Amino acid sequence: MQRVSRAEVRVGREIVGRIGRGLLVLIAVEKGDSTSDLDWLSDKVLHMRVFEDSHGKMNLSALETRSEILVVSQFTLAGDLNRGRRPGFERAAPPEEAEPLYVAFVERLSRSPLNIQTGRFRELMDVELVNDGPVTLILESRPR
């Protein structure tokens, strides 16, 4: 998850998602993930205090600042680089399992009043962003 001044995602030449100030959420669904993980993650994304208040402290959530959220599927986050020189993706859920969870995650975020944009699942995408801060945080639904 990255706090951004702006971000957009393109498939080919088409812009499929674009936000201003907000959060770019790169999500990888791993084997064993479930809808209960999505409930926890979506609540965290919406309520995590990562935006600065008037005193410059990270005290405000996306909901409180009316920030926008761009969600992009990125299975490579499940990559394991501990062995060899090529990442292994054994932890990544197969696409037919991952896509419904990705869609359900987006649906949970979309229940909020915020502008939620997405990339396209299983497409080659170009993601452009301006990281604000920079602030980049890793959020996992269960301990590794």
C-alpha atoms as a PDB file:
ATOM      1  CA  MET A   1       0.000   0.000   0.000  1.00  0.00           C
ATOM      2  CA  GLN A   2       1.408   3.383  -0.990  1.00  0.00           C
ATOM      3  CA  ARG A   3       0.171   6.841  -0.107  1.00  0.00           C
ATOM      4  CA  VAL A   4       0.134   8.755  -3.372  1.00  0.00           C
ATOM      5  CA  SER A   5      -0.392  12.258  -4.683  1.00  0.00           C
ATOM      6  CA  ARG A   6      -1.750  10.640  -7.824  1.00  0.00           C
ATOM      7  CA  ALA A   7      -1.717   7.266  -9.569  1.00  0.00           C
ATOM      8  CA  GLU A   8      -3.034   5.676 -12.710  1.00  0.00           C
ATOM      9  CA  VAL A   9      -3.013   2.289 -14.354  1.00  0.00           C
ATOM     10  CA  ARG A  10      -3.058   1.615 -18.081  1.00  0.00           C
ATOM     11  CA  VAL A  11      -3.718  -1.476 -20.135  1.00  0.00           C
ATOM     12  CA  GLY A  12      -2.116  -0.811 -23.480  1.00  0.00           C
ATOM     13  CA  ARG A  13      -2.875   2.837 -24.200  1.00  0.00           C
ATOM     14  CA  GLU A  14      -6.136   2.848 -22.249  1.00  0.00           C
ATOM     15  CA  ILE A  15      -6.255   4.382 -18.774  1.00  0.00           C
ATOM     16  CA  VAL A  16      -8.400   1.959 -16.787  1.00  0.00           C
ATOM     17  CA  GLY A  17      -8.041   3.537 -13.341  1.00  0.00           C
ATOM     18  CA  ARG A  18      -6.917   6.934 -12.085  1.00  0.00           C
ATOM     19  CA  ILE A  19      -6.906   8.652  -8.704  1.00  0.00           C
ATOM     20  CA  GLY A  20      -5.682  11.852  -7.124  1.00  0.00           C
ATOM     21  CA  ARG A  21      -4.561  11.981  -3.500  1.00  0.00           C
ATOM     22  CA  GLY A  22      -5.088   8.631  -1.852  1.00  0.00           C
ATOM     23  CA  LEU A  23      -3.850   5.071  -1.651  1.00  0.00           C
ATOM     24  CA  LEU A  24      -2.492   2.722  -4.271  1.00  0.00           C
ATOM     25  CA  VAL A  25      -3.205  -0.788  -2.997  1.00  0.00           C
ATOM     26  CA  LEU A  26      -1.259  -3.559  -4.706  1.00  0.00           C
ATOM     27  CA  ILE A  27      -2.862  -6.859  -3.748  1.00  0.00           C
ATOM     28  CA  ALA A  28      -1.670 -10.437  -4.062  1.00  0.00           C
ATOM     29  CA  VAL A  29      -4.007 -13.264  -3.163  1.00  0.00           C
ATOM     30  CA  GLU A  30      -2.161 -16.221  -1.688  1.00  0.00           C
ATOM     31  CA  LYS A  31      -3.170 -19.838  -1.219  1.00  0.00           C
ATOM     32  CA  GLY A  32      -5.292 -20.144   1.907  1.00  0.00           C
ATOM     33  CA  ASP A  33      -6.623 -16.573   1.782  1.00  0.00           C
ATOM     34  CA  SER A  34     -10.352 -16.310   2.434  1.00  0.00           C
ATOM     35  CA  THR A  35     -13.192 -13.818   2.595  1.00  0.00           C
ATOM     36  CA  SER A  36     -12.488 -13.303   6.309  1.00  0.00           C
ATOM     37  CA  ASP A  37      -9.035 -12.021   5.314  1.00  0.00           C
ATOM     38  CA  LEU A  38     -10.757  -9.559   2.976  1.00  0.00           C
ATOM     39  CA  ASP A  39     -12.972  -8.202   5.736  1.00  0.00           C
ATOM     40  CA  TRP A  40      -9.938  -7.485   7.899  1.00  0.00           C
ATOM     41  CA  LEU A  41      -7.875  -6.022   5.026  1.00  0.00           C
ATOM     42  CA  SER A  42     -10.600  -3.744   3.675  1.00  0.00           C
ATOM     43  CA  ASP A  43     -11.289  -2.415   7.176  1.00  0.00           C
ATOM     44  CA  LYS A  44      -7.560  -1.726   7.654  1.00  0.00           C
ATOM     45  CA  VAL A  45      -7.211   0.052   4.304  1.00  0.00           C
ATOM     46  CA  LEU A  46     -10.192   2.314   4.999  1.00  0.00           C
ATOM     47  CA  HIS A  47      -9.366   3.089   8.639  1.00  0.00           C
ATOM     48  CA  MET A  48      -5.564   3.002   8.861  1.00  0.00           C
ATOM     49  CA  ARG A  49      -4.270   6.409   9.927  1.00  0.00           C
ATOM     50  CA  VAL A  50      -1.684   7.155   7.251  1.00  0.00           C
ATOM     51  CA  PHE A  51      -2.627  10.710   6.284  1.00  0.00           C
ATOM     52  CA  GLU A  52      -1.275  13.732   8.094  1.00  0.00           C
ATOM     53  CA  ASP A  53      -3.364  15.945  10.332  1.00  0.00           C
ATOM     54  CA  SER A  54      -2.847  19.712  10.745  1.00  0.00           C
ATOM     55  CA  HIS A  55       0.164  18.999  13.004  1.00  0.00           C
ATOM     56  CA  GLY A  56       1.920  16.815  10.434  1.00  0.00           C
ATOM     57  CA  LYS A  57       1.232  13.547  12.296  1.00  0.00           C
ATOM     58  CA  MET A  58      -0.203  10.463  10.603  1.00  0.00           C
ATOM     59  CA  ASN A  59      -3.553  10.612  12.394  1.00  0.00           C
ATOM     60  CA  LEU A  60      -6.166  10.530   9.634  1.00  0.00           C
ATOM     61  CA  SER A  61      -7.627   7.663   7.636  1.00  0.00           C
ATOM     62  CA  ALA A  62      -8.643   7.473   3.989  1.00  0.00           C
ATOM     63  CA  LEU A  63     -12.260   7.799   5.125  1.00  0.00           C
ATOM     64  CA  GLU A  64     -11.551  10.905   7.203  1.00  0.00           C
ATOM     65  CA  THR A  65      -9.645  12.610   4.378  1.00  0.00           C
ATOM     66  CA  ARG A  66     -12.039  11.456   1.627  1.00  0.00           C
ATOM     67  CA  SER A  67      -9.052   9.994  -0.203  1.00  0.00           C
ATOM     68  CA  GLU A  68      -9.307   7.908  -3.341  1.00  0.00           C
ATOM     69  CA  ILE A  69      -8.147   4.302  -3.645  1.00  0.00           C
ATOM     70  CA  LEU A  70      -6.693   2.512  -6.653  1.00  0.00           C
ATOM     71  CA  VAL A  71      -6.576  -1.297  -6.303  1.00  0.00           C
ATOM     72  CA  VAL A  72      -4.240  -3.243  -8.585  1.00  0.00           C
ATOM     73  CA  SER A  73      -3.812  -7.026  -8.557  1.00  0.00           C
ATOM     74  CA  GLN A  74      -0.144  -7.976  -8.410  1.00  0.00           C
ATOM     75  CA  PHE A  75       0.523 -11.668  -7.899  1.00  0.00           C
ATOM     76  CA  THR A  76       4.288 -11.055  -7.961  1.00  0.00           C
ATOM     77  CA  LEU A  77       4.021  -9.772  -4.381  1.00  0.00           C
ATOM     78  CA  ALA A  78       3.606 -13.423  -3.421  1.00  0.00           C
ATOM     79  CA  GLY A  79       6.982 -14.182  -4.986  1.00  0.00           C
ATOM     80  CA  ASP A  80       9.637 -15.927  -2.932  1.00  0.00           C
ATOM     81  CA  LEU A  81      13.244 -14.903  -3.530  1.00  0.00           C
ATOM     82  CA  ASN A  82      14.866 -17.005  -0.816  1.00  0.00           C
ATOM     83  CA  ARG A  83      16.151 -19.696  -3.173  1.00  0.00           C
ATOM     84  CA  GLY A  84      17.895 -19.378  -6.501  1.00  0.00           C
ATOM     85  CA  ARG A  85      17.833 -16.314  -8.713  1.00  0.00           C
ATOM     86  CA  ARG A  86      14.321 -16.519 -10.077  1.00  0.00           C
ATOM     87  CA  PRO A  87      11.283 -15.812  -7.905  1.00  0.00           C
ATOM     88  CA  GLY A  88       9.035 -18.731  -7.067  1.00  0.00           C
ATOM     89  CA  PHE A  89       5.299 -18.153  -6.980  1.00  0.00           C
ATOM     90  CA  GLU A  90       4.149 -21.250  -5.101  1.00  0.00           C
ATOM     91  CA  ARG A  91       2.414 -19.068  -2.470  1.00  0.00           C
ATOM     92  CA  ALA A  92       0.270 -17.258  -5.063  1.00  0.00           C
ATOM     93  CA  ALA A  93      -3.289 -18.494  -5.429  1.00  0.00           C
ATOM     94  CA  PRO A  94      -4.164 -19.696  -8.930  1.00  0.00           C
ATOM     95  CA  PRO A  95      -6.053 -17.075 -10.960  1.00  0.00           C
ATOM     96  CA  GLU A  96      -9.395 -18.908 -10.766  1.00  0.00           C
ATOM     97  CA  GLU A  97      -9.181 -18.708  -6.939  1.00  0.00           C
ATOM     98  CA  ALA A  98      -7.567 -15.279  -6.727  1.00  0.00           C
ATOM     99  CA  GLU A  99      -9.900 -13.338  -9.019  1.00  0.00           C
ATOM    100  CA  PRO A 100     -13.098 -13.828  -6.979  1.00  0.00           C
ATOM    101  CA  LEU A 101     -11.256 -12.720  -3.824  1.00  0.00           C
ATOM    102  CA  TYR A 102      -9.806  -9.689  -5.623  1.00  0.00           C
ATOM    103  CA  VAL A 103     -13.291  -8.743  -6.860  1.00  0.00           C
ATOM    104  CA  ALA A 104     -14.759  -9.249  -3.374  1.00  0.00           C
ATOM    105  CA  PHE A 105     -12.042  -7.029  -1.858  1.00  0.00           C
ATOM    106  CA  VAL A 106     -12.859  -4.256  -4.328  1.00  0.00           C
ATOM    107  CA  GLU A 107     -16.577  -4.672  -3.590  1.00  0.00           C
ATOM    108  CA  ARG A 108     -15.936  -4.268   0.147  1.00  0.00           C
ATOM    109  CA  LEU A 109     -13.991  -1.063  -0.440  1.00  0.00           C
ATOM    110  CA  SER A 110     -16.693   0.162  -2.836  1.00  0.00           C
ATOM    111  CA  ARG A 111     -19.267   0.076  -0.035  1.00  0.00           C
ATOM    112  CA  SER A 112     -17.473   3.097   1.408  1.00  0.00           C
ATOM    113  CA  PRO A 113     -18.215   6.615   0.134  1.00  0.00           C
ATOM    114  CA  LEU A 114     -14.745   6.835  -1.424  1.00  0.00           C
ATOM    115  CA  ASN A 115     -13.843   6.785  -5.112  1.00  0.00           C
ATOM    116  CA  ILE A 116     -12.478   3.270  -5.718  1.00  0.00           C
ATOM    117  CA  GLN A 117     -10.700   2.582  -8.999  1.00  0.00           C
ATOM    118  CA  THR A 118      -9.060  -0.630 -10.225  1.00  0.00           C
ATOM    119  CA  GLY A 119      -6.675  -2.092 -12.694  1.00  0.00           C
ATOM    120  CA  ARG A 120      -7.656  -5.178 -14.660  1.00  0.00           C
ATOM    121  CA  PHE A 121      -7.114  -8.603 -13.206  1.00  0.00           C
ATOM    122  CA  ARG A 122      -4.681 -10.803 -15.154  1.00  0.00           C
ATOM    123  CA  GLU A 123      -3.726  -8.057 -17.590  1.00  0.00           C
ATOM    124  CA  LEU A 124      -0.298  -6.617 -18.276  1.00  0.00           C
ATOM    125  CA  MET A 125      -0.566  -3.145 -16.726  1.00  0.00           C
ATOM    126  CA  ASP A 126       1.539  -0.019 -16.524  1.00  0.00           C
ATOM    127  CA  VAL A 127       1.170   1.623 -13.128  1.00  0.00           C
ATOM    128  CA  GLU A 128       2.305   5.215 -12.721  1.00  0.00           C
ATOM    129  CA  LEU A 129       2.356   6.896  -9.335  1.00  0.00           C
ATOM    130  CA  VAL A 130       3.732   9.745  -7.314  1.00  0.00           C
ATOM    131  CA  ASN A 131       4.500   8.336  -3.864  1.00  0.00           C
ATOM    132  CA  ASP A 132       3.576  10.913  -1.206  1.00  0.00           C
ATOM    133  CA  GLY A 133       6.115  11.005   1.593  1.00  0.00           C
ATOM    134  CA  PRO A 134       7.219   8.468   0.512  1.00  0.00           C
ATOM    135  CA  VAL A 135       4.861   6.289   2.526  1.00  0.00           C
ATOM    136  CA  THR A 136       4.833   2.607   1.622  1.00  0.00           C
ATOM    137  CA  LEU A 137       3.417   0.005   4.004  1.00  0.00           C
ATOM    138  CA  ILE A 138       3.107  -3.764   3.842  1.00  0.00           C
ATOM    139  CA  LEU A 139      -0.156  -5.123   5.142  1.00  0.00           C
ATOM    140  CA  GLU A 140      -0.582  -8.877   5.474  1.00  0.00           C
ATOM    141  CA  SER A 141      -3.773 -10.536   6.596  1.00  0.00           C
ATOM    142  CA  ARG A 142      -1.972 -13.155   8.643  1.00  0.00           C
ATOM    143  CA  PRO A 143       1.499 -13.510  10.109  1.00  0.00           C
ATOM    144  CA  ARG A 144       4.090 -15.274   7.978  1.00  0.00           C
END
